[in-house]
N, C-alpha and C. Protein backbone atom coordinates (compact mmCIF):
# COMPACT_ATOMS: atom_id res chain seq x y z
N MET A 1 137.80 91.33 82.66
CA MET A 1 136.47 90.91 83.02
C MET A 1 136.51 90.12 84.32
N THR A 2 135.58 90.40 85.21
CA THR A 2 135.51 89.69 86.47
C THR A 2 134.98 88.29 86.24
N ARG A 3 135.65 87.31 86.80
CA ARG A 3 135.21 85.93 86.66
C ARG A 3 134.66 85.47 88.00
N GLY A 4 133.71 84.58 87.94
CA GLY A 4 133.15 84.05 89.16
C GLY A 4 131.76 83.50 88.93
N LEU A 5 131.19 82.96 89.98
CA LEU A 5 129.89 82.33 89.89
C LEU A 5 128.80 83.30 89.45
N TYR A 6 128.77 84.49 90.06
CA TYR A 6 127.71 85.44 89.70
C TYR A 6 127.81 85.91 88.24
N PRO A 7 128.94 86.48 87.82
CA PRO A 7 128.97 87.01 86.45
C PRO A 7 128.90 85.95 85.36
N GLU A 8 129.35 84.75 85.65
CA GLU A 8 129.40 83.73 84.61
C GLU A 8 128.18 82.82 84.57
N LEU A 9 127.47 82.68 85.69
CA LEU A 9 126.35 81.75 85.72
C LEU A 9 125.03 82.40 86.16
N ILE A 10 125.06 83.01 87.34
CA ILE A 10 123.81 83.53 87.93
C ILE A 10 123.27 84.72 87.14
N ARG A 11 124.11 85.71 86.86
CA ARG A 11 123.64 86.91 86.15
C ARG A 11 123.03 86.57 84.79
N PRO A 12 123.70 85.75 83.97
CA PRO A 12 123.08 85.41 82.68
C PRO A 12 121.71 84.73 82.82
N LEU A 13 121.57 83.88 83.83
CA LEU A 13 120.27 83.23 84.05
C LEU A 13 119.20 84.25 84.44
N LEU A 14 119.54 85.14 85.37
CA LEU A 14 118.57 86.13 85.82
C LEU A 14 118.19 87.10 84.70
N PHE A 15 119.14 87.46 83.85
CA PHE A 15 118.87 88.42 82.79
C PHE A 15 118.06 87.83 81.63
N ARG A 16 117.86 86.52 81.65
CA ARG A 16 116.97 85.90 80.65
C ARG A 16 115.51 85.99 81.08
N MET A 17 115.29 86.31 82.36
CA MET A 17 113.93 86.42 82.90
C MET A 17 113.47 87.87 82.85
N ASP A 18 112.14 88.07 82.96
CA ASP A 18 111.68 89.45 83.12
C ASP A 18 112.05 89.88 84.54
N ALA A 19 112.08 91.17 84.78
CA ALA A 19 112.57 91.72 86.04
C ALA A 19 111.82 91.18 87.26
N GLU A 20 110.50 91.10 87.20
CA GLU A 20 109.72 90.65 88.35
C GLU A 20 110.00 89.18 88.67
N THR A 21 110.12 88.35 87.65
CA THR A 21 110.42 86.93 87.86
C THR A 21 111.82 86.77 88.46
N ALA A 22 112.79 87.53 87.97
CA ALA A 22 114.15 87.48 88.51
C ALA A 22 114.16 87.93 89.97
N HIS A 23 113.40 88.98 90.28
CA HIS A 23 113.29 89.48 91.66
C HIS A 23 112.72 88.40 92.57
N GLU A 24 111.62 87.80 92.16
CA GLU A 24 110.97 86.76 92.98
C GLU A 24 111.87 85.54 93.13
N ALA A 25 112.54 85.14 92.06
CA ALA A 25 113.44 83.98 92.13
C ALA A 25 114.61 84.25 93.07
N THR A 26 115.16 85.45 93.00
CA THR A 26 116.28 85.81 93.88
C THR A 26 115.85 85.81 95.34
N LEU A 27 114.70 86.42 95.64
CA LEU A 27 114.23 86.44 97.02
C LEU A 27 113.91 85.04 97.53
N ALA A 28 113.33 84.21 96.68
CA ALA A 28 113.02 82.83 97.09
C ALA A 28 114.32 82.07 97.40
N TRP A 29 115.34 82.24 96.57
CA TRP A 29 116.61 81.58 96.82
C TRP A 29 117.25 82.10 98.10
N LEU A 30 117.23 83.41 98.29
CA LEU A 30 117.81 83.99 99.50
C LEU A 30 117.08 83.53 100.75
N ALA A 31 115.76 83.43 100.68
CA ALA A 31 114.98 82.95 101.83
C ALA A 31 115.37 81.52 102.18
N ARG A 32 115.51 80.66 101.17
CA ARG A 32 115.91 79.27 101.42
C ARG A 32 117.35 79.21 101.92
N ALA A 33 118.22 79.97 101.31
CA ALA A 33 119.63 79.94 101.68
C ALA A 33 119.87 80.48 103.08
N SER A 34 119.01 81.39 103.54
CA SER A 34 119.16 81.97 104.88
C SER A 34 119.03 80.92 105.97
N GLY A 35 118.32 79.84 105.69
CA GLY A 35 118.13 78.79 106.68
C GLY A 35 119.34 77.88 106.87
N TRP A 36 120.28 77.96 105.97
CA TRP A 36 121.50 77.14 106.04
C TRP A 36 122.65 78.05 106.45
N PRO A 37 123.14 77.99 107.67
CA PRO A 37 124.16 78.94 108.15
C PRO A 37 125.39 79.05 107.26
N VAL A 38 125.77 77.99 106.61
CA VAL A 38 126.98 78.04 105.79
C VAL A 38 126.76 78.83 104.49
N LEU A 39 125.55 78.86 103.96
CA LEU A 39 125.31 79.52 102.68
C LEU A 39 125.47 81.04 102.72
N PRO A 40 124.90 81.75 103.72
CA PRO A 40 125.14 83.20 103.76
C PRO A 40 126.63 83.53 103.91
N ALA A 41 127.34 82.75 104.72
CA ALA A 41 128.78 82.99 104.89
C ALA A 41 129.52 82.75 103.58
N LEU A 42 129.15 81.71 102.86
CA LEU A 42 129.77 81.41 101.57
C LEU A 42 129.45 82.51 100.56
N ALA A 43 128.20 82.96 100.53
CA ALA A 43 127.81 84.02 99.61
C ALA A 43 128.60 85.30 99.88
N ARG A 44 128.76 85.64 101.15
CA ARG A 44 129.56 86.83 101.50
C ARG A 44 131.00 86.68 101.01
N ARG A 45 131.54 85.48 101.20
CA ARG A 45 132.94 85.25 100.81
C ARG A 45 133.11 85.36 99.29
N VAL A 46 132.14 84.88 98.55
CA VAL A 46 132.22 84.87 97.09
C VAL A 46 131.95 86.26 96.51
N THR A 47 131.07 87.03 97.14
CA THR A 47 130.64 88.29 96.54
C THR A 47 131.27 89.54 97.15
N GLN A 48 131.83 89.45 98.33
CA GLN A 48 132.35 90.64 99.01
C GLN A 48 133.62 91.15 98.32
N VAL A 49 133.63 92.43 98.10
CA VAL A 49 134.79 93.09 97.51
C VAL A 49 135.35 94.04 98.56
N ASP A 50 136.64 93.94 98.83
CA ASP A 50 137.26 94.83 99.81
C ASP A 50 138.28 95.69 99.08
N ASP A 51 137.81 96.82 98.61
CA ASP A 51 138.66 97.76 97.88
C ASP A 51 138.53 99.12 98.58
N PRO A 52 139.62 99.65 99.12
CA PRO A 52 139.55 100.92 99.85
C PRO A 52 138.90 102.05 99.06
N ARG A 53 138.97 102.01 97.74
CA ARG A 53 138.36 103.07 96.91
C ARG A 53 136.84 103.06 97.00
N LEU A 54 136.25 101.94 97.39
CA LEU A 54 134.79 101.82 97.46
C LEU A 54 134.22 102.20 98.82
N ARG A 55 135.04 102.33 99.83
CA ARG A 55 134.55 102.61 101.19
C ARG A 55 133.87 103.98 101.24
N VAL A 56 132.76 104.00 101.97
CA VAL A 56 132.01 105.24 102.13
C VAL A 56 131.59 105.40 103.59
N ARG A 57 131.38 106.63 103.97
CA ARG A 57 130.90 106.95 105.31
C ARG A 57 129.59 107.71 105.14
N VAL A 58 128.52 107.18 105.74
CA VAL A 58 127.20 107.80 105.63
C VAL A 58 126.62 107.95 107.03
N LEU A 59 126.32 109.18 107.41
CA LEU A 59 125.73 109.47 108.71
C LEU A 59 126.51 108.82 109.85
N GLY A 60 127.83 108.85 109.75
CA GLY A 60 128.68 108.31 110.80
C GLY A 60 128.90 106.81 110.75
N CYS A 61 128.33 106.13 109.76
CA CYS A 61 128.51 104.68 109.63
C CYS A 61 129.45 104.39 108.47
N ASP A 62 130.39 103.48 108.70
CA ASP A 62 131.34 103.11 107.66
C ASP A 62 130.86 101.85 106.93
N PHE A 63 130.95 101.88 105.59
CA PHE A 63 130.56 100.76 104.76
C PHE A 63 131.73 100.38 103.86
N LEU A 64 131.88 99.09 103.58
CA LEU A 64 132.95 98.62 102.71
C LEU A 64 132.75 99.06 101.26
N ASN A 65 131.48 99.34 100.90
CA ASN A 65 131.18 99.77 99.54
C ASN A 65 129.89 100.57 99.57
N PRO A 66 129.59 101.26 98.48
CA PRO A 66 128.35 102.04 98.44
C PRO A 66 127.14 101.13 98.64
N LEU A 67 126.25 101.55 99.48
CA LEU A 67 125.07 100.76 99.81
C LEU A 67 123.91 101.24 98.98
N ARG A 68 123.36 100.34 98.17
CA ARG A 68 122.22 100.71 97.33
C ARG A 68 121.22 99.57 97.35
N ILE A 69 120.16 99.77 98.10
CA ILE A 69 119.09 98.78 98.15
C ILE A 69 117.79 99.52 97.86
N ALA A 70 117.04 99.01 96.93
CA ALA A 70 115.80 99.66 96.54
C ALA A 70 114.73 99.51 97.60
N ALA A 71 113.94 100.55 97.77
CA ALA A 71 112.80 100.48 98.69
C ALA A 71 111.88 99.37 98.21
N GLY A 72 111.41 98.56 99.13
CA GLY A 72 110.50 97.48 98.78
C GLY A 72 111.20 96.23 98.27
N LEU A 73 112.53 96.21 98.36
CA LEU A 73 113.28 95.06 97.86
C LEU A 73 112.79 93.76 98.47
N ASP A 74 112.60 93.75 99.77
CA ASP A 74 112.12 92.56 100.47
C ASP A 74 110.97 92.98 101.38
N LYS A 75 109.93 93.52 100.77
CA LYS A 75 108.84 94.13 101.53
C LYS A 75 108.10 93.15 102.44
N ASP A 76 108.17 91.84 102.14
CA ASP A 76 107.52 90.84 102.99
C ASP A 76 108.49 90.20 103.97
N ALA A 77 109.71 90.69 104.01
CA ALA A 77 110.75 90.21 104.93
C ALA A 77 110.95 88.70 104.83
N THR A 78 111.02 88.19 103.61
CA THR A 78 111.20 86.76 103.41
C THR A 78 112.66 86.33 103.47
N ALA A 79 113.58 87.27 103.27
CA ALA A 79 114.98 86.92 103.24
C ALA A 79 115.82 87.81 104.17
N VAL A 80 115.25 88.15 105.30
CA VAL A 80 115.92 89.08 106.23
C VAL A 80 117.31 88.62 106.61
N CYS A 81 117.49 87.36 106.90
CA CYS A 81 118.80 86.86 107.32
C CYS A 81 119.87 87.03 106.25
N ALA A 82 119.47 87.06 105.00
CA ALA A 82 120.42 87.18 103.91
C ALA A 82 121.00 88.59 103.79
N TRP A 83 120.35 89.57 104.37
CA TRP A 83 120.78 90.95 104.18
C TRP A 83 121.93 91.36 105.07
N ARG A 84 122.34 90.55 106.03
CA ARG A 84 123.46 90.97 106.88
C ARG A 84 124.72 90.97 106.15
């Protein structure tokens, strides 16, 4: 089992909420965190997985892992800085 902040703390909290509330809470946190330069870098360090088996190439672009973002995820662009 993977251990870490997300699987042990954040995911259980989010899964206790209905989907829309979890979505709004996540975007609100990302919007606030985007304003603190150290937080996006820390989040990347904590969540990034570098496994060669996950690398994909799509339309000539290389990604460290499969990219899956739902349409309308951040339709109001409140957390744009967090998506890098």
